[in-house]
């Protein structure tokens, strides 16, 4: 069983993994995967939690080049954070002892684009469930002067995507004593990131 890694080491692993991804990643044989599956049957010890968009072009285990059991991945359109996502992170932090939580947004996000359209057109409605999701994203930018002043839709989407990541990080702390305490005690680090779909590079928000 792997001992808990520090937040610093967890982040180093993800950064190194993205570099491997950009260079083609490392290949695993069927025998490698069979061995991993066998070792993980008795339990999991993911060193990091990744909250990412459901977009099929942004698979966390691939863009960070990590193996089975390394990442506790939570995927939801627009990488928003609500009660369900908070509960999942709490489990990873409190039970599995993950030491890093990364919220990953990405360029060209359809959910962000839809939310921006809804912000600019108050009469625009999707389904009730989608409207709720758009509202969560809208909370991140509703009072942002940079969003209001942005000269184009593309610029507004860029600002909204990054603000949404920061808003999600804030929700993790404000909605959970478990997460907030782990951060204040130095057992957990929260960080935002943005995946560039054209280049494959993960840009870190620090």
Protein backbone atom coordinates (compact mmCIF):
# COMPACT_ATOMS: atom_id res chain seq x y z
CA UNK A 1 0.00 0.00 0.00
CA UNK A 2 1.37 3.40 -0.98
CA UNK A 3 1.76 5.89 1.83
CA UNK A 4 0.07 9.26 1.49
CA UNK A 5 2.11 11.63 -0.65
CA UNK A 6 2.48 15.32 0.14
CA UNK A 7 0.49 17.90 -1.82
CA UNK A 8 3.76 19.12 -3.36
CA UNK A 9 4.71 15.65 -4.57
CA UNK A 10 1.19 15.04 -5.90
CA UNK A 11 1.36 18.21 -7.97
CA UNK A 12 4.84 17.29 -9.23
CA UNK A 13 3.48 13.95 -10.45
CA UNK A 14 0.66 15.59 -12.38
CA UNK A 15 2.96 18.14 -14.00
CA UNK A 16 5.40 15.40 -14.99
CA UNK A 17 2.53 13.33 -16.32
CA UNK A 18 1.31 16.13 -18.57
CA UNK A 19 4.84 16.44 -19.97
CA UNK A 20 4.84 12.71 -20.76
CA UNK A 21 1.42 13.12 -22.40
CA UNK A 22 2.80 15.88 -24.64
CA UNK A 23 5.64 13.55 -25.63
CA UNK A 24 3.37 10.62 -26.35
CA UNK A 25 2.95 9.16 -22.88
CA UNK A 26 4.18 5.78 -21.71
CA UNK A 27 2.64 2.60 -23.08
CA UNK A 28 1.15 -0.14 -20.94
CA UNK A 29 0.83 -3.73 -22.07
CA UNK A 30 -2.13 -5.98 -21.33
CA UNK A 31 0.05 -7.75 -18.76
CA UNK A 32 0.82 -4.42 -17.05
CA UNK A 33 -2.88 -3.62 -16.78
CA UNK A 34 -3.74 -7.10 -15.56
CA UNK A 35 -1.13 -6.78 -12.80
CA UNK A 36 -2.47 -3.34 -11.81
CA UNK A 37 -6.04 -4.60 -11.66
CA UNK A 38 -4.97 -7.44 -9.39
CA UNK A 39 -3.09 -5.10 -7.06
CA UNK A 40 -6.08 -2.74 -6.81
CA UNK A 41 -8.76 -5.32 -6.07
CA UNK A 42 -8.29 -4.91 -2.31
CA UNK A 43 -8.51 -1.10 -2.30
CA UNK A 44 -7.48 2.21 -3.79
CA UNK A 45 -5.08 4.94 -2.72
CA UNK A 46 -5.36 7.77 -5.29
CA UNK A 47 -2.86 10.53 -4.58
CA UNK A 48 -4.97 13.25 -6.22
CA UNK A 49 -8.57 14.18 -6.94
CA UNK A 50 -9.36 15.69 -10.34
CA UNK A 51 -12.64 17.48 -10.97
CA UNK A 52 -12.96 17.84 -14.73
CA UNK A 53 -15.53 18.54 -17.40
CA UNK A 54 -17.37 15.58 -18.92
CA UNK A 55 -16.10 16.58 -22.38
CA UNK A 56 -14.90 13.41 -24.12
CA UNK A 57 -11.76 15.21 -25.32
CA UNK A 58 -10.47 15.87 -21.79
CA UNK A 59 -9.80 12.50 -20.09
CA UNK A 60 -7.82 13.24 -16.89
CA UNK A 61 -5.95 9.94 -16.66
CA UNK A 62 -4.64 10.48 -20.20
CA UNK A 63 -3.74 14.17 -20.07
CA UNK A 64 -1.89 13.57 -16.78
CA UNK A 65 -0.57 10.17 -17.94
CA UNK A 66 -1.48 8.35 -14.73
CA UNK A 67 -2.13 4.68 -14.08
CA UNK A 68 -5.13 2.80 -12.71
CA UNK A 69 -5.71 3.79 -9.10
CA UNK A 70 -3.69 7.03 -9.22
CA UNK A 71 -6.51 9.55 -9.67
CA UNK A 72 -9.93 9.91 -8.05
CA UNK A 73 -11.78 11.49 -10.98
CA UNK A 74 -15.05 13.43 -10.75
CA UNK A 75 -16.49 14.51 -14.07
CA UNK A 76 -19.43 16.81 -14.65
CA UNK A 77 -20.31 19.20 -17.48
CA UNK A 78 -18.61 22.52 -16.87
CA UNK A 79 -16.53 21.11 -13.96
CA UNK A 80 -18.95 22.72 -11.53
CA UNK A 81 -18.92 21.95 -7.81
CA UNK A 82 -22.15 21.30 -5.94
CA UNK A 83 -23.11 19.00 -3.05
CA UNK A 84 -22.50 15.75 -4.95
CA UNK A 85 -19.01 16.79 -6.03
CA UNK A 86 -18.21 18.05 -2.52
CA UNK A 87 -19.27 14.72 -0.99
CA UNK A 88 -17.07 12.82 -3.44
CA UNK A 89 -14.07 14.99 -2.61
CA UNK A 90 -14.73 14.59 1.12
CA UNK A 91 -14.61 10.82 0.70
CA UNK A 92 -11.33 10.99 -1.22
CA UNK A 93 -9.74 13.32 1.33
CA UNK A 94 -11.10 11.84 4.55
CA UNK A 95 -11.12 8.13 3.70
CA UNK A 96 -8.67 7.65 0.83
CA UNK A 97 -6.24 10.33 2.10
CA UNK A 98 -5.76 12.08 -1.25
CA UNK A 99 -3.58 15.15 -0.73
CA UNK A 100 -4.35 17.27 -3.81
CA UNK A 101 -7.55 18.44 -5.50
CA UNK A 102 -7.32 19.88 -9.00
CA UNK A 103 -10.25 21.55 -10.75
CA UNK A 104 -9.52 21.41 -14.48
CA UNK A 105 -11.33 23.64 -16.93
CA UNK A 106 -10.57 23.55 -20.64
CA UNK A 107 -10.63 25.70 -23.74
CA UNK A 108 -13.62 25.39 -26.03
CA UNK A 109 -15.94 24.22 -23.25
CA UNK A 110 -19.52 23.82 -24.50
CA UNK A 111 -21.01 24.27 -21.04
CA UNK A 112 -19.15 27.55 -20.56
CA UNK A 113 -20.26 28.74 -24.00
CA UNK A 114 -23.89 27.90 -23.23
CA UNK A 115 -23.68 29.68 -19.87
CA UNK A 116 -22.24 32.80 -21.47
CA UNK A 117 -25.07 32.81 -24.01
CA UNK A 118 -27.58 32.51 -21.18
CA UNK A 119 -25.91 35.37 -19.30
CA UNK A 120 -26.15 37.60 -22.36
CA UNK A 121 -29.70 36.51 -23.23
CA UNK A 122 -31.84 36.28 -20.06
CA UNK A 123 -34.79 34.95 -22.06
CA UNK A 124 -32.76 31.97 -23.28
CA UNK A 125 -33.66 28.73 -21.51
CA UNK A 126 -32.55 25.13 -21.92
CA UNK A 127 -34.06 22.28 -19.87
CA UNK A 128 -34.67 22.84 -16.13
CA UNK A 129 -31.64 20.73 -15.25
CA UNK A 130 -29.42 22.49 -17.79
CA UNK A 131 -30.66 25.88 -16.59
CA UNK A 132 -29.54 24.90 -13.08
CA UNK A 133 -26.08 24.00 -14.41
CA UNK A 134 -25.87 27.25 -16.39
CA UNK A 135 -26.83 29.12 -13.23
CA UNK A 136 -23.96 27.55 -11.29
CA UNK A 137 -21.50 28.68 -13.92
CA UNK A 138 -23.16 32.09 -14.05
CA UNK A 139 -22.54 32.57 -10.33
CA UNK A 140 -18.82 32.73 -11.07
CA UNK A 141 -19.11 35.67 -13.46
CA UNK A 142 -22.26 37.57 -12.57
CA UNK A 143 -20.40 40.36 -10.76
CA UNK A 144 -17.11 40.18 -12.71
CA UNK A 145 -16.37 43.53 -14.39
CA UNK A 146 -13.78 41.88 -16.64
CA UNK A 147 -16.52 39.65 -18.06
CA UNK A 148 -18.82 42.60 -18.65
CA UNK A 149 -16.07 44.61 -20.33
CA UNK A 150 -14.69 41.80 -22.51
CA UNK A 151 -14.93 42.84 -26.19
CA UNK A 152 -15.98 39.51 -27.73
CA UNK A 153 -17.80 36.26 -27.02
CA UNK A 154 -14.52 34.35 -27.17
CA UNK A 155 -12.96 36.69 -24.61
CA UNK A 156 -16.01 36.36 -22.36
CA UNK A 157 -15.80 32.55 -22.58
CA UNK A 158 -12.11 32.60 -21.64
CA UNK A 159 -12.81 34.80 -18.61
CA UNK A 160 -15.86 32.75 -17.65
CA UNK A 161 -13.99 29.44 -17.89
CA UNK A 162 -11.19 30.57 -15.61
CA UNK A 163 -13.55 32.28 -13.16
CA UNK A 164 -15.62 29.11 -13.03
CA UNK A 165 -12.57 27.09 -11.97
CA UNK A 166 -11.81 29.54 -9.16
CA UNK A 167 -15.46 29.55 -8.11
CA UNK A 168 -15.45 25.76 -7.92
CA UNK A 169 -12.35 25.81 -5.71
CA UNK A 170 -14.03 28.32 -3.43
CA UNK A 171 -17.14 26.14 -3.19
CA UNK A 172 -15.08 23.16 -2.06
CA UNK A 173 -13.89 25.09 0.98
CA UNK A 174 -17.07 27.03 1.74
CA UNK A 175 -19.33 23.97 1.53
CA UNK A 176 -17.15 21.53 3.47
CA UNK A 177 -15.58 21.64 6.92
CA UNK A 178 -13.68 18.45 6.11
CA UNK A 179 -12.00 20.01 3.09
CA UNK A 180 -11.45 23.38 4.75
CA UNK A 181 -9.82 21.77 7.79
CA UNK A 182 -7.54 19.60 5.65
CA UNK A 183 -6.39 22.68 3.74
CA UNK A 184 -5.78 24.73 6.90
CA UNK A 185 -3.77 21.88 8.42
CA UNK A 186 -1.59 21.55 5.31
CA UNK A 187 -2.77 18.01 4.52
CA UNK A 188 -4.50 19.11 1.34
CA UNK A 189 -3.87 21.59 -1.44
CA UNK A 190 -6.44 22.91 -3.90
CA UNK A 191 -5.37 24.19 -7.30
CA UNK A 192 -7.01 25.23 -10.54
CA UNK A 193 -5.87 24.41 -14.04
CA UNK A 194 -6.90 24.88 -17.65
CA UNK A 195 -6.33 22.28 -20.36
CA UNK A 196 -5.60 23.71 -23.81
CA UNK A 197 -7.20 21.30 -26.27
CA UNK A 198 -5.14 22.55 -29.22
CA UNK A 199 -1.72 22.09 -27.58
CA UNK A 200 -2.43 19.46 -24.92
CA UNK A 201 -0.77 21.67 -22.31
CA UNK A 202 -2.21 22.00 -18.81
CA UNK A 203 -1.80 25.57 -17.59
CA UNK A 204 -1.76 25.89 -13.80
CA UNK A 205 -3.56 28.70 -11.97
CA UNK A 206 -1.39 29.81 -9.06
